[in-house]
Amino acid sequence: MSNKGRVFSGARPTGRQHLGNYLGAIKNYVELQTKYDCIYCIVDLHAMTTLEELEYIKTNTAEMALDWLAAGLEPEKSILFTQSHVPEVTELHTILSMFTPLGKLTDLPTFKDKVRLQPQNVNYGLVGYPVLMTADITLYKAEIVPVGVDQQSHIEFAREIVRTFNYRTKKQVLIEPQMKNTDFPKVIGTDGKKKMGKSENNHIELALSDEETTEVVKTMVTDPQRIRLKDPGNPEVCNVYTLHQYFSESEQVQEINHDCRKAKIGCVDCKLILSQKINENLGSFREKRNQLSKNPQHIWEILDDGAKRARKIAANTIAEVKSAAGLT
């Protein structure tokens, strides 16, 4: 890899990606490839903190990689791999855990939230999740981590672990990652209330057919106060209009804004236009995805090659870390 600055980002294998994933992360991943050396990881070990997901990890990993590649991630420019295929990450996780007070881990709001969500499955991996995430980033000497507002505390905690390690070993081995805010607003789901996601069943998958996309868009909740066609609408509170701003041309967005307020366009027609624009925007993605899906083994070959390239970086980092910690 070159010296353009190194970016790392990882995501749990959630299977087929949706519009929220695309607008909030994948689109940014693709753009970063032109400016940085990028390392993108499907963090399957993190997924194991929720044991119910085990049977889906492999399938979800393949589906996610397929969507990432179809969206424009290029193995020639970036390293794309699966977390567990680089065992050095678990070794670094173990070493860094010796420098991380348990009290700080259990005090993290994210840990408390998880305990609330799965009180019957508070496993060790759930507690050590932030340390493994720190290992993910620092193993590859990543300087930049693209994050949303909800992830900033995680990166700051990783920086704290790095500072502790470097201070106690008196070696500046690990790099404190810098946050690169994605500055993308939360994508609301088809229910018009909650963040788009599979757990809420309010998502629109990228890989749907044109017809399937249209049917899902038809179910979207619009302006709750607009009951009849002749009622003037309020685009600011309509999630359909919000998505128009991402997928429709600026002139058309302005026209929809005006016509909605004047009751010249109804919610049904507005949704049909949106589904058309989404399908137009995702046309090349779906074509490429269909081609890639014809050879599923090729997806695993790309991930395997990425893991080999990632391990070369990881081996050097582990050697430096062990030496600094007196483990040579």
C-alpha atoms as a PDB file:
ATOM      1  CA  MET A   1       0.000   0.000   0.000  1.00  0.00           C
ATOM      2  CA  SER A   2       1.098   3.616  -0.574  1.00  0.00           C
ATOM      3  CA  ASN A   3       1.628   6.451   1.896  1.00  0.00           C
ATOM      4  CA  LYS A   4      -1.667   8.258   1.331  1.00  0.00           C
ATOM      5  CA  GLY A   5      -2.814   7.707   4.909  1.00  0.00           C
ATOM      6  CA  ARG A   6      -4.544   4.570   6.089  1.00  0.00           C
ATOM      7  CA  VAL A   7      -8.260   4.204   6.776  1.00  0.00           C
ATOM      8  CA  PHE A   8      -9.837   1.315   8.663  1.00  0.00           C
ATOM      9  CA  SER A   9     -13.501   0.532   9.063  1.00  0.00           C
ATOM     10  CA  GLY A  10     -15.334  -2.593  10.105  1.00  0.00           C
ATOM     11  CA  ALA A  11     -18.962  -3.687  10.095  1.00  0.00           C
ATOM     12  CA  ARG A  12     -20.794  -6.659  11.549  1.00  0.00           C
ATOM     13  CA  PRO A  13     -21.997  -9.183   8.944  1.00  0.00           C
ATOM     14  CA  THR A  14     -25.666  -8.331   8.665  1.00  0.00           C
ATOM     15  CA  GLY A  15     -26.255  -9.877   5.252  1.00  0.00           C
ATOM     16  CA  ARG A  16     -27.847  -7.957   2.417  1.00  0.00           C
ATOM     17  CA  GLN A  17     -27.345  -4.247   2.828  1.00  0.00           C
ATOM     18  CA  HIS A  18     -30.076  -1.628   2.777  1.00  0.00           C
ATOM     19  CA  LEU A  19     -30.379   2.040   1.847  1.00  0.00           C
ATOM     20  CA  GLY A  20     -29.337   3.120   5.340  1.00  0.00           C
ATOM     21  CA  ASN A  21     -26.111   1.103   5.074  1.00  0.00           C
ATOM     22  CA  TYR A  22     -25.441   2.513   1.622  1.00  0.00           C
ATOM     23  CA  LEU A  23     -26.047   6.177   2.403  1.00  0.00           C
ATOM     24  CA  GLY A  24     -24.504   6.066   5.867  1.00  0.00           C
ATOM     25  CA  ALA A  25     -21.379   3.993   5.193  1.00  0.00           C
ATOM     26  CA  ILE A  26     -20.851   2.142   1.904  1.00  0.00           C
ATOM     27  CA  LYS A  27     -21.020   5.212  -0.323  1.00  0.00           C
ATOM     28  CA  ASN A  28     -18.399   6.832   1.889  1.00  0.00           C
ATOM     29  CA  TYR A  29     -16.229   3.692   1.760  1.00  0.00           C
ATOM     30  CA  VAL A  30     -16.149   3.884  -2.024  1.00  0.00           C
ATOM     31  CA  GLU A  31     -15.263   7.589  -2.082  1.00  0.00           C
ATOM     32  CA  LEU A  32     -12.449   7.176   0.466  1.00  0.00           C
ATOM     33  CA  GLN A  33     -10.663   4.715  -1.855  1.00  0.00           C
ATOM     34  CA  THR A  34      -9.561   7.584  -4.093  1.00  0.00           C
ATOM     35  CA  LYS A  35      -7.841   9.507  -1.286  1.00  0.00           C
ATOM     36  CA  TYR A  36      -6.570   6.899   1.174  1.00  0.00           C
ATOM     37  CA  ASP A  37      -5.263   3.385   1.534  1.00  0.00           C
ATOM     38  CA  CYS A  38      -8.377   1.674   2.836  1.00  0.00           C
ATOM     39  CA  ILE A  39      -8.800  -1.488   4.879  1.00  0.00           C
ATOM     40  CA  TYR A  40     -12.376  -2.711   5.208  1.00  0.00           C
ATOM     41  CA  CYS A  41     -13.228  -5.594   7.486  1.00  0.00           C
ATOM     42  CA  ILE A  42     -16.322  -7.718   8.034  1.00  0.00           C
ATOM     43  CA  VAL A  43     -16.122  -8.231  11.790  1.00  0.00           C
ATOM     44  CA  ASP A  44     -17.549 -11.709  12.235  1.00  0.00           C
ATOM     45  CA  LEU A  45     -16.051 -12.191  15.706  1.00  0.00           C
ATOM     46  CA  HIS A  46     -17.992  -9.183  16.948  1.00  0.00           C
ATOM     47  CA  ALA A  47     -21.169 -10.801  15.643  1.00  0.00           C
ATOM     48  CA  MET A  48     -20.616 -13.738  18.005  1.00  0.00           C
ATOM     49  CA  THR A  49     -21.470 -11.567  21.003  1.00  0.00           C
ATOM     50  CA  THR A  50     -25.058 -12.251  19.974  1.00  0.00           C
ATOM     51  CA  LEU A  51     -25.093 -16.030  19.928  1.00  0.00           C
ATOM     52  CA  GLU A  52     -28.363 -16.290  18.012  1.00  0.00           C
ATOM     53  CA  GLU A  53     -26.546 -15.051  14.904  1.00  0.00           C
ATOM     54  CA  LEU A  54     -24.038 -17.910  14.664  1.00  0.00           C
ATOM     55  CA  GLU A  55     -25.837 -19.922  12.004  1.00  0.00           C
ATOM     56  CA  TYR A  56     -26.081 -16.874   9.744  1.00  0.00           C
ATOM     57  CA  ILE A  57     -22.542 -15.498  10.043  1.00  0.00           C
ATOM     58  CA  LYS A  58     -21.106 -17.189   6.962  1.00  0.00           C
ATOM     59  CA  THR A  59     -24.065 -16.412   4.702  1.00  0.00           C
ATOM     60  CA  ASN A  60     -24.325 -12.849   5.981  1.00  0.00           C
ATOM     61  CA  THR A  61     -20.602 -12.323   5.408  1.00  0.00           C
ATOM     62  CA  ALA A  62     -20.854 -13.409   1.777  1.00  0.00           C
ATOM     63  CA  GLU A  63     -23.955 -11.281   1.143  1.00  0.00           C
ATOM     64  CA  MET A  64     -22.381  -8.200   2.712  1.00  0.00           C
ATOM     65  CA  ALA A  65     -19.148  -8.616   0.735  1.00  0.00           C
ATOM     66  CA  LEU A  66     -21.196  -9.043  -2.428  1.00  0.00           C
ATOM     67  CA  ASP A  67     -23.018  -5.769  -1.812  1.00  0.00           C
ATOM     68  CA  TRP A  68     -19.807  -3.919  -0.951  1.00  0.00           C
ATOM     69  CA  LEU A  69     -18.131  -5.072  -4.136  1.00  0.00           C
ATOM     70  CA  ALA A  70     -21.179  -4.316  -6.272  1.00  0.00           C
ATOM     71  CA  ALA A  71     -21.318  -0.822  -4.767  1.00  0.00           C
ATOM     72  CA  GLY A  72     -17.773  -0.075  -5.894  1.00  0.00           C
ATOM     73  CA  LEU A  73     -15.222  -1.367  -3.405  1.00  0.00           C
ATOM     74  CA  GLU A  74     -12.222  -2.444  -5.463  1.00  0.00           C
ATOM     75  CA  PRO A  75      -9.910  -5.184  -4.145  1.00  0.00           C
ATOM     76  CA  GLU A  76      -7.125  -3.693  -6.280  1.00  0.00           C
ATOM     77  CA  LYS A  77      -7.358  -0.414  -4.342  1.00  0.00           C
ATOM     78  CA  SER A  78      -8.498  -1.574  -0.903  1.00  0.00           C
ATOM     79  CA  ILE A  79      -8.022  -4.544   1.380  1.00  0.00           C
ATOM     80  CA  LEU A  80     -11.318  -6.330   1.998  1.00  0.00           C
ATOM     81  CA  PHE A  81     -11.330  -9.288   4.372  1.00  0.00           C
ATOM     82  CA  THR A  82     -13.041 -11.110   7.218  1.00  0.00           C
ATOM     83  CA  GLN A  83     -11.917 -10.395  10.782  1.00  0.00           C
ATOM     84  CA  SER A  84     -11.477 -13.993  11.948  1.00  0.00           C
ATOM     85  CA  HIS A  85      -9.210 -14.782   9.000  1.00  0.00           C
ATOM     86  CA  VAL A  86      -6.492 -12.647  10.610  1.00  0.00           C
ATOM     87  CA  PRO A  87      -5.855 -14.409  13.962  1.00  0.00           C
ATOM     88  CA  GLU A  88      -3.379 -11.738  15.027  1.00  0.00           C
ATOM     89  CA  VAL A  89      -6.344  -9.571  15.965  1.00  0.00           C
ATOM     90  CA  THR A  90      -7.278 -11.913  18.828  1.00  0.00           C
ATOM     91  CA  GLU A  91      -3.674 -11.937  20.022  1.00  0.00           C
ATOM     92  CA  LEU A  92      -3.552  -8.146  20.090  1.00  0.00           C
ATOM     93  CA  HIS A  93      -6.955  -8.100  21.779  1.00  0.00           C
ATOM     94  CA  THR A  94      -5.586 -10.271  24.581  1.00  0.00           C
ATOM     95  CA  ILE A  95      -2.508  -8.084  25.052  1.00  0.00           C
ATOM     96  CA  LEU A  96      -4.509  -4.837  25.050  1.00  0.00           C
ATOM     97  CA  SER A  97      -6.978  -6.294  27.545  1.00  0.00           C
ATOM     98  CA  MET A  98      -4.117  -6.331  30.090  1.00  0.00           C
ATOM     99  CA  PHE A  99      -3.943  -2.547  29.772  1.00  0.00           C
ATOM    100  CA  THR A 100      -7.695  -1.928  30.074  1.00  0.00           C
ATOM    101  CA  PRO A 101      -9.404  -1.563  33.481  1.00  0.00           C
ATOM    102  CA  LEU A 102     -12.517  -3.704  33.782  1.00  0.00           C
ATOM    103  CA  GLY A 103     -14.392  -0.913  35.519  1.00  0.00           C
ATOM    104  CA  LYS A 104     -14.101   1.355  32.510  1.00  0.00           C
ATOM    105  CA  LEU A 105     -15.490  -1.342  30.228  1.00  0.00           C
ATOM    106  CA  THR A 106     -18.507  -2.041  32.412  1.00  0.00           C
ATOM    107  CA  ASP A 107     -19.185   1.692  32.821  1.00  0.00           C
ATOM    108  CA  LEU A 108     -19.489   2.309  29.097  1.00  0.00           C
ATOM    109  CA  PRO A 109     -23.038   3.318  28.096  1.00  0.00           C
ATOM    110  CA  THR A 110     -22.882   0.972  25.102  1.00  0.00           C
ATOM    111  CA  PHE A 111     -22.191  -2.002  27.383  1.00  0.00           C
ATOM    112  CA  LYS A 112     -25.072  -1.064  29.687  1.00  0.00           C
ATOM    113  CA  ASP A 113     -27.364  -0.785  26.672  1.00  0.00           C
ATOM    114  CA  LYS A 114     -26.388  -4.266  25.500  1.00  0.00           C
ATOM    115  CA  VAL A 115     -26.981  -5.709  28.971  1.00  0.00           C
ATOM    116  CA  ARG A 116     -30.468  -4.227  28.886  1.00  0.00           C
ATOM    117  CA  LEU A 117     -31.141  -5.701  25.448  1.00  0.00           C
ATOM    118  CA  GLN A 118     -29.814  -9.200  26.173  1.00  0.00           C
ATOM    119  CA  PRO A 119     -29.788  -9.723  29.972  1.00  0.00           C
ATOM    120  CA  GLN A 120     -29.622 -13.506  29.551  1.00  0.00           C
ATOM    121  CA  ASN A 121     -26.476 -13.342  27.427  1.00  0.00           C
ATOM    122  CA  VAL A 122     -23.955 -10.993  29.034  1.00  0.00           C
ATOM    123  CA  ASN A 123     -20.884 -12.827  27.774  1.00  0.00           C
ATOM    124  CA  TYR A 124     -17.201 -11.958  28.141  1.00  0.00           C
ATOM    125  CA  GLY A 125     -17.031 -10.916  24.493  1.00  0.00           C
ATOM    126  CA  LEU A 126     -19.712  -8.317  25.138  1.00  0.00           C
ATOM    127  CA  VAL A 127     -17.604  -6.755  27.897  1.00  0.00           C
ATOM    128  CA  GLY A 128     -14.402  -6.867  25.854  1.00  0.00           C
ATOM    129  CA  TYR A 129     -16.033  -5.655  22.631  1.00  0.00           C
ATOM    130  CA  PRO A 130     -14.331  -2.187  22.760  1.00  0.00           C
ATOM    131  CA  VAL A 131     -10.911  -3.786  23.277  1.00  0.00           C
ATOM    132  CA  LEU A 132     -11.362  -6.067  20.284  1.00  0.00           C
ATOM    133  CA  MET A 133     -12.507  -3.044  18.275  1.00  0.00           C
ATOM    134  CA  THR A 134      -9.339  -1.221  19.328  1.00  0.00           C
ATOM    135  CA  ALA A 135      -7.304  -4.219  18.190  1.00  0.00           C
ATOM    136  CA  ASP A 136      -9.121  -4.120  14.839  1.00  0.00           C
ATOM    137  CA  ILE A 137      -8.000  -0.539  14.251  1.00  0.00           C
ATOM    138  CA  THR A 138      -4.502  -0.507  15.736  1.00  0.00           C
ATOM    139  CA  LEU A 139      -3.405  -3.835  14.258  1.00  0.00           C
ATOM    140  CA  TYR A 140      -3.219  -2.180  10.840  1.00  0.00           C
ATOM    141  CA  LYS A 141      -1.732   1.128  12.053  1.00  0.00           C
ATOM    142  CA  ALA A 142      -4.846   2.913  10.825  1.00  0.00           C
ATOM    143  CA  GLU A 143      -4.665   6.677  11.164  1.00  0.00           C
ATOM    144  CA  ILE A 144      -8.266   7.441  10.261  1.00  0.00           C
ATOM    145  CA  VAL A 145     -11.560   5.800  11.162  1.00  0.00           C
ATOM    146  CA  PRO A 146     -14.758   7.059   9.494  1.00  0.00           C
ATOM    147  CA  VAL A 147     -17.504   7.221  12.114  1.00  0.00           C
ATOM    148  CA  GLY A 148     -20.963   8.534  12.716  1.00  0.00           C
ATOM    149  CA  VAL A 149     -21.919  10.553  15.759  1.00  0.00           C
ATOM    150  CA  ASP A 150     -23.052   7.432  17.635  1.00  0.00           C
ATOM    151  CA  GLN A 151     -19.608   5.824  17.304  1.00  0.00           C
ATOM    152  CA  GLN A 152     -17.406   8.692  18.442  1.00  0.00           C
ATOM    153  CA  SER A 153     -17.212   7.476  22.041  1.00  0.00           C
ATOM    154  CA  HIS A 154     -15.929   4.099  20.827  1.00  0.00           C
ATOM    155  CA  ILE A 155     -13.018   5.694  18.997  1.00  0.00           C
ATOM    156  CA  GLU A 156     -12.168   7.927  21.932  1.00  0.00           C
ATOM    157  CA  PHE A 157     -12.032   4.845  24.152  1.00  0.00           C
ATOM    158  CA  ALA A 158      -9.717   3.178  21.627  1.00  0.00           C
ATOM    159  CA  ARG A 159      -7.469   6.244  21.737  1.00  0.00           C
ATOM    160  CA  GLU A 160      -7.359   5.959  25.519  1.00  0.00           C
ATOM    161  CA  ILE A 161      -6.244   2.323  25.338  1.00  0.00           C
ATOM    162  CA  VAL A 162      -3.526   3.267  22.848  1.00  0.00           C
ATOM    163  CA  ARG A 163      -2.255   6.063  25.091  1.00  0.00           C
ATOM    164  CA  THR A 164      -2.154   3.707  28.087  1.00  0.00           C
ATOM    165  CA  PHE A 165      -0.254   1.041  26.169  1.00  0.00           C
ATOM    166  CA  ASN A 166       2.290   3.478  24.747  1.00  0.00           C
ATOM    167  CA  TYR A 167       2.784   5.154  28.130  1.00  0.00           C
ATOM    168  CA  ARG A 168       3.254   1.960  30.120  1.00  0.00           C
ATOM    169  CA  THR A 169       5.558   0.345  27.565  1.00  0.00           C
ATOM    170  CA  LYS A 170       7.417   3.629  26.969  1.00  0.00           C
ATOM    171  CA  LYS A 171       7.203   2.868  23.248  1.00  0.00           C
ATOM    172  CA  GLN A 172       5.179   4.761  20.656  1.00  0.00           C
ATOM    173  CA  VAL A 173       4.186   1.567  18.879  1.00  0.00           C
ATOM    174  CA  LEU A 174       0.471   2.022  18.423  1.00  0.00           C
ATOM    175  CA  ILE A 175      -1.141   4.910  16.543  1.00  0.00           C
ATOM    176  CA  GLU A 176      -3.975   6.927  18.058  1.00  0.00           C
ATOM    177  CA  PRO A 177      -6.704   6.801  15.400  1.00  0.00           C
ATOM    178  CA  GLN A 178      -8.303  10.043  14.306  1.00  0.00           C
ATOM    179  CA  MET A 179     -12.034  10.250  13.724  1.00  0.00           C
ATOM    180  CA  LYS A 180     -13.338  11.264  10.328  1.00  0.00           C
ATOM    181  CA  ASN A 181     -16.986  12.169  10.776  1.00  0.00           C
ATOM    182  CA  THR A 182     -19.203  10.943   7.976  1.00  0.00           C
ATOM    183  CA  ASP A 183     -21.552  13.889   8.613  1.00  0.00           C
ATOM    184  CA  PHE A 184     -24.447  11.869   7.250  1.00  0.00           C
ATOM    185  CA  PRO A 185     -27.801  12.178   9.014  1.00  0.00           C
ATOM    186  CA  LYS A 186     -29.582   9.136  10.379  1.00  0.00           C
ATOM    187  CA  VAL A 187     -31.565   7.391   7.655  1.00  0.00           C
ATOM    188  CA  ILE A 188     -35.117   6.803   8.869  1.00  0.00           C
ATOM    189  CA  GLY A 189     -36.887   3.590   7.905  1.00  0.00           C
ATOM    190  CA  THR A 190     -40.138   2.981   6.078  1.00  0.00           C
ATOM    191  CA  ASP A 191     -42.056   3.416   9.356  1.00  0.00           C
ATOM    192  CA  GLY A 192     -41.069   7.083   9.359  1.00  0.00           C
ATOM    193  CA  LYS A 193     -39.939   6.889  13.003  1.00  0.00           C
ATOM    194  CA  LYS A 194     -36.937   4.707  13.720  1.00  0.00           C
ATOM    195  CA  LYS A 195     -33.507   4.361  12.132  1.00  0.00           C
ATOM    196  CA  MET A 196     -33.605   2.086   9.101  1.00  0.00           C
ATOM    197  CA  GLY A 197     -32.549  -1.404  10.075  1.00  0.00           C
ATOM    198  CA  LYS A 198     -33.329  -5.085   9.728  1.00  0.00           C
ATOM    199  CA  SER A 199     -34.172  -5.490  13.394  1.00  0.00           C
ATOM    200  CA  GLU A 200     -36.976  -2.963  12.944  1.00  0.00           C
ATOM    201  CA  ASN A 201     -38.082  -4.517   9.625  1.00  0.00           C
ATOM    202  CA  ASN A 202     -38.302  -1.015   8.169  1.00  0.00           C
ATOM    203  CA  HIS A 203     -35.528  -1.278   5.594  1.00  0.00           C
ATOM    204  CA  ILE A 204     -35.230  -1.246   1.801  1.00  0.00           C
ATOM    205  CA  GLU A 205     -32.621  -3.714   0.561  1.00  0.00           C
ATOM    206  CA  LEU A 206     -30.269  -2.598  -2.188  1.00  0.00           C
ATOM    207  CA  ALA A 207     -30.577  -5.933  -3.989  1.00  0.00           C
ATOM    208  CA  LEU A 208     -34.348  -5.873  -4.417  1.00  0.00           C
ATOM    209  CA  SER A 209     -35.759  -5.937  -7.930  1.00  0.00           C
ATOM    210  CA  ASP A 210     -37.343  -2.788  -9.338  1.00  0.00           C
ATOM    211  CA  GLU A 211     -40.791  -4.209  -8.678  1.00  0.00           C
ATOM    212  CA  GLU A 212     -39.946  -5.227  -5.111  1.00  0.00           C
ATOM    213  CA  THR A 213     -38.495  -1.792  -4.396  1.00  0.00           C
ATOM    214  CA  THR A 214     -41.671  -0.122  -5.645  1.00  0.00           C
ATOM    215  CA  GLU A 215     -43.829  -2.329  -3.431  1.00  0.00           C
ATOM    216  CA  VAL A 216     -41.772  -1.552  -0.321  1.00  0.00           C
ATOM    217  CA  VAL A 217     -41.708   2.185  -1.035  1.00  0.00           C
ATOM    218  CA  LYS A 218     -45.511   2.103  -1.360  1.00  0.00           C
ATOM    219  CA  THR A 219     -45.703   1.047   2.294  1.00  0.00           C
ATOM    220  CA  MET A 220     -43.677   4.026   3.537  1.00  0.00           C
ATOM    221  CA  VAL A 221     -45.259   6.265   6.159  1.00  0.00           C
ATOM    222  CA  THR A 222     -45.610   9.867   4.939  1.00  0.00           C
ATOM    223  CA  ASP A 223     -46.822  13.119   6.507  1.00  0.00           C
ATOM    224  CA  PRO A 224     -49.186  11.858   9.265  1.00  0.00           C
ATOM    225  CA  GLN A 225     -51.285  15.029   9.109  1.00  0.00           C
ATOM    226  CA  ARG A 226     -51.973  14.738   5.398  1.00  0.00           C
ATOM    227  CA  ILE A 227     -55.040  12.534   5.129  1.00  0.00           C
ATOM    228  CA  ARG A 228     -56.643  13.584   1.839  1.00  0.00           C
ATOM    229  CA  LEU A 229     -55.097  14.377  -1.533  1.00  0.00           C
ATOM    230  CA  LYS A 230     -56.408  17.942  -1.382  1.00  0.00           C
ATOM    231  CA  ASP A 231     -54.707  18.559   1.973  1.00  0.00           C
ATOM    232  CA  PRO A 232     -51.446  20.547   1.683  1.00  0.00           C
ATOM    233  CA  GLY A 233     -48.420  18.529   2.791  1.00  0.00           C
ATOM    234  CA  ASN A 234     -45.417  19.338   4.939  1.00  0.00           C
ATOM    235  CA  PRO A 235     -42.307  17.842   3.300  1.00  0.00           C
ATOM    236  CA  GLU A 236     -40.101  18.527   6.337  1.00  0.00           C
ATOM    237  CA  VAL A 237     -41.825  15.770   8.312  1.00  0.00           C
ATOM    238  CA  CYS A 238     -42.148  13.305   5.421  1.00  0.00           C
ATOM    239  CA  ASN A 239     -39.510  10.594   5.125  1.00  0.00           C
ATOM    240  CA  VAL A 240     -40.372  10.006   1.463  1.00  0.00           C
ATOM    241  CA  TYR A 241     -39.371  13.591   0.732  1.00  0.00           C
ATOM    242  CA  THR A 242     -36.177  13.119   2.762  1.00  0.00           C
ATOM    243  CA  LEU A 243     -35.147  10.178   0.572  1.00  0.00           C
ATOM    244  CA  HIS A 244     -35.977  12.221  -2.538  1.00  0.00           C
ATOM    245  CA  GLN A 245     -33.180  14.575  -1.482  1.00  0.00           C
ATOM    246  CA  TYR A 246     -30.706  11.688  -1.758  1.00  0.00           C
ATOM    247  CA  PHE A 247     -31.946  10.083  -4.963  1.00  0.00           C
ATOM    248  CA  SER A 248     -33.730  12.734  -7.061  1.00  0.00           C
ATOM    249  CA  GLU A 249     -32.303  15.655  -9.011  1.00  0.00           C
ATOM    250  CA  SER A 250     -32.340  19.001  -7.178  1.00  0.00           C
ATOM    251  CA  GLU A 251     -34.848  20.500  -9.615  1.00  0.00           C
ATOM    252  CA  GLN A 252     -37.252  17.628  -9.055  1.00  0.00           C
ATOM    253  CA  VAL A 253     -36.820  17.870  -5.279  1.00  0.00           C
ATOM    254  CA  GLN A 254     -37.787  21.545  -5.440  1.00  0.00           C
ATOM    255  CA  GLU A 255     -40.774  20.721  -7.630  1.00  0.00           C
ATOM    256  CA  ILE A 256     -41.992  18.014  -5.252  1.00  0.00           C
ATOM    257  CA  ASN A 257     -41.540  20.373  -2.312  1.00  0.00           C
ATOM    258  CA  HIS A 258     -43.655  23.025  -4.010  1.00  0.00           C
ATOM    259  CA  ASP A 259     -46.348  20.671  -5.354  1.00  0.00           C
ATOM    260  CA  CYS A 260     -46.695  18.873  -2.026  1.00  0.00           C
ATOM    261  CA  ARG A 261     -47.288  22.107  -0.153  1.00  0.00           C
ATOM    262  CA  LYS A 262     -49.860  23.183  -2.759  1.00  0.00           C
ATOM    263  CA  ALA A 263     -51.558  19.758  -2.809  1.00  0.00           C
ATOM    264  CA  LYS A 264     -50.679  19.359  -6.498  1.00  0.00           C
ATOM    265  CA  ILE A 265     -49.111  15.953  -5.893  1.00  0.00           C
ATOM    266  CA  GLY A 266     -50.333  13.148  -3.670  1.00  0.00           C
ATOM    267  CA  CYS A 267     -48.337  10.768  -1.482  1.00  0.00           C
ATOM    268  CA  VAL A 268     -48.912   7.819  -3.834  1.00  0.00           C
ATOM    269  CA  ASP A 269     -47.451   9.639  -6.839  1.00  0.00           C
ATOM    270  CA  CYS A 270     -44.609  10.957  -4.689  1.00  0.00           C
ATOM    271  CA  LYS A 271     -43.735   7.403  -3.663  1.00  0.00           C
ATOM    272  CA  LEU A 272     -43.858   6.149  -7.247  1.00  0.00           C
ATOM    273  CA  ILE A 273     -41.425   8.841  -8.325  1.00  0.00           C
ATOM    274  CA  LEU A 274     -39.124   7.963  -5.416  1.00  0.00           C
ATOM    275  CA  SER A 275     -39.104   4.252  -6.242  1.00  0.00           C
ATOM    276  CA  GLN A 276     -38.285   5.108  -9.839  1.00  0.00           C
ATOM    277  CA  LYS A 277     -35.361   7.277  -8.761  1.00  0.00           C
ATOM    278  CA  ILE A 278     -34.048   4.657  -6.346  1.00  0.00           C
ATOM    279  CA  ASN A 279     -34.186   2.037  -9.100  1.00  0.00           C
ATOM    280  CA  GLU A 280     -32.377   4.350 -11.516  1.00  0.00           C
ATOM    281  CA  ASN A 281     -29.633   5.063  -8.980  1.00  0.00           C
ATOM    282  CA  LEU A 282     -29.168   1.392  -8.132  1.00  0.00           C
ATOM    283  CA  GLY A 283     -29.344   0.096 -11.687  1.00  0.00           C
ATOM    284  CA  SER A 284     -25.596  -0.355 -12.187  1.00  0.00           C
ATOM    285  CA  PHE A 285     -25.216  -1.741  -8.650  1.00  0.00           C
ATOM    286  CA  ARG A 286     -27.830  -4.422  -9.285  1.00  0.00           C
ATOM    287  CA  GLU A 287     -26.367  -5.333 -12.652  1.00  0.00           C
ATOM    288  CA  LYS A 288     -22.901  -5.771 -11.149  1.00  0.00           C
ATOM    289  CA  ARG A 289     -24.313  -7.689  -8.190  1.00  0.00           C
ATOM    290  CA  ASN A 290     -26.083 -10.128 -10.481  1.00  0.00           C
ATOM    291  CA  GLN A 291     -22.835 -10.745 -12.343  1.00  0.00           C
ATOM    292  CA  LEU A 292     -20.808 -11.271  -9.159  1.00  0.00           C
ATOM    293  CA  SER A 293     -23.431 -13.585  -7.665  1.00  0.00           C
ATOM    294  CA  LYS A 294     -22.946 -16.041 -10.518  1.00  0.00           C
ATOM    295  CA  ASN A 295     -19.554 -16.975  -9.059  1.00  0.00           C
ATOM    296  CA  PRO A 296     -19.929 -17.029  -5.241  1.00  0.00           C
ATOM    297  CA  GLN A 297     -16.552 -18.711  -4.805  1.00  0.00           C
ATOM    298  CA  HIS A 298     -14.902 -15.620  -6.267  1.00  0.00           C
ATOM    299  CA  ILE A 299     -16.228 -13.574  -3.327  1.00  0.00           C
ATOM    300  CA  TRP A 300     -14.439 -15.856  -0.881  1.00  0.00           C
ATOM    301  CA  GLU A 301     -11.283 -15.719  -3.001  1.00  0.00           C
ATOM    302  CA  ILE A 302     -11.317 -11.921  -2.735  1.00  0.00           C
ATOM    303  CA  LEU A 303     -11.783 -12.113   1.034  1.00  0.00           C
ATOM    304  CA  ASP A 304      -9.016 -14.725   1.315  1.00  0.00           C
ATOM    305  CA  ASP A 305      -6.605 -12.596  -0.695  1.00  0.00           C
ATOM    306  CA  GLY A 306      -7.509  -9.581   1.437  1.00  0.00           C
ATOM    307  CA  ALA A 307      -6.802 -11.549   4.608  1.00  0.00           C
ATOM    308  CA  LYS A 308      -3.351 -12.532   3.326  1.00  0.00           C
ATOM    309  CA  ARG A 309      -2.527  -8.901   2.587  1.00  0.00           C
ATOM    310  CA  ALA A 310      -3.892  -7.808   5.959  1.00  0.00           C
ATOM    311  CA  ARG A 311      -1.832 -10.449   7.792  1.00  0.00           C
ATOM    312  CA  LYS A 312       1.388  -9.025   6.388  1.00  0.00           C
ATOM    313  CA  ILE A 313       0.629  -5.738   8.105  1.00  0.00           C
ATOM    314  CA  ALA A 314      -0.665  -7.481  11.226  1.00  0.00           C
ATOM    315  CA  ALA A 315       2.459  -9.632  11.654  1.00  0.00           C
ATOM    316  CA  ASN A 316       4.704  -6.572  11.781  1.00  0.00           C
ATOM    317  CA  THR A 317       2.464  -4.820  14.295  1.00  0.00           C
ATOM    318  CA  ILE A 318       2.251  -7.854  16.591  1.00  0.00           C
ATOM    319  CA  ALA A 319       6.039  -8.218  16.551  1.00  0.00           C
ATOM    320  CA  GLU A 320       6.424  -4.568  17.578  1.00  0.00           C
ATOM    321  CA  VAL A 321       3.744  -4.834  20.269  1.00  0.00           C
ATOM    322  CA  LYS A 322       5.229  -7.982  21.815  1.00  0.00           C
ATOM    323  CA  SER A 323       8.679  -6.455  21.828  1.00  0.00           C
ATOM    324  CA  ALA A 324       7.398  -3.287  23.491  1.00  0.00           C
ATOM    325  CA  ALA A 325       5.533  -5.344  26.103  1.00  0.00           C
ATOM    326  CA  GLY A 326       8.591  -7.464  26.865  1.00  0.00           C
ATOM    327  CA  LEU A 327       7.130 -10.613  25.318  1.00  0.00           C
ATOM    328  CA  THR A 328       9.869 -11.249  22.764  1.00  0.00           C
END
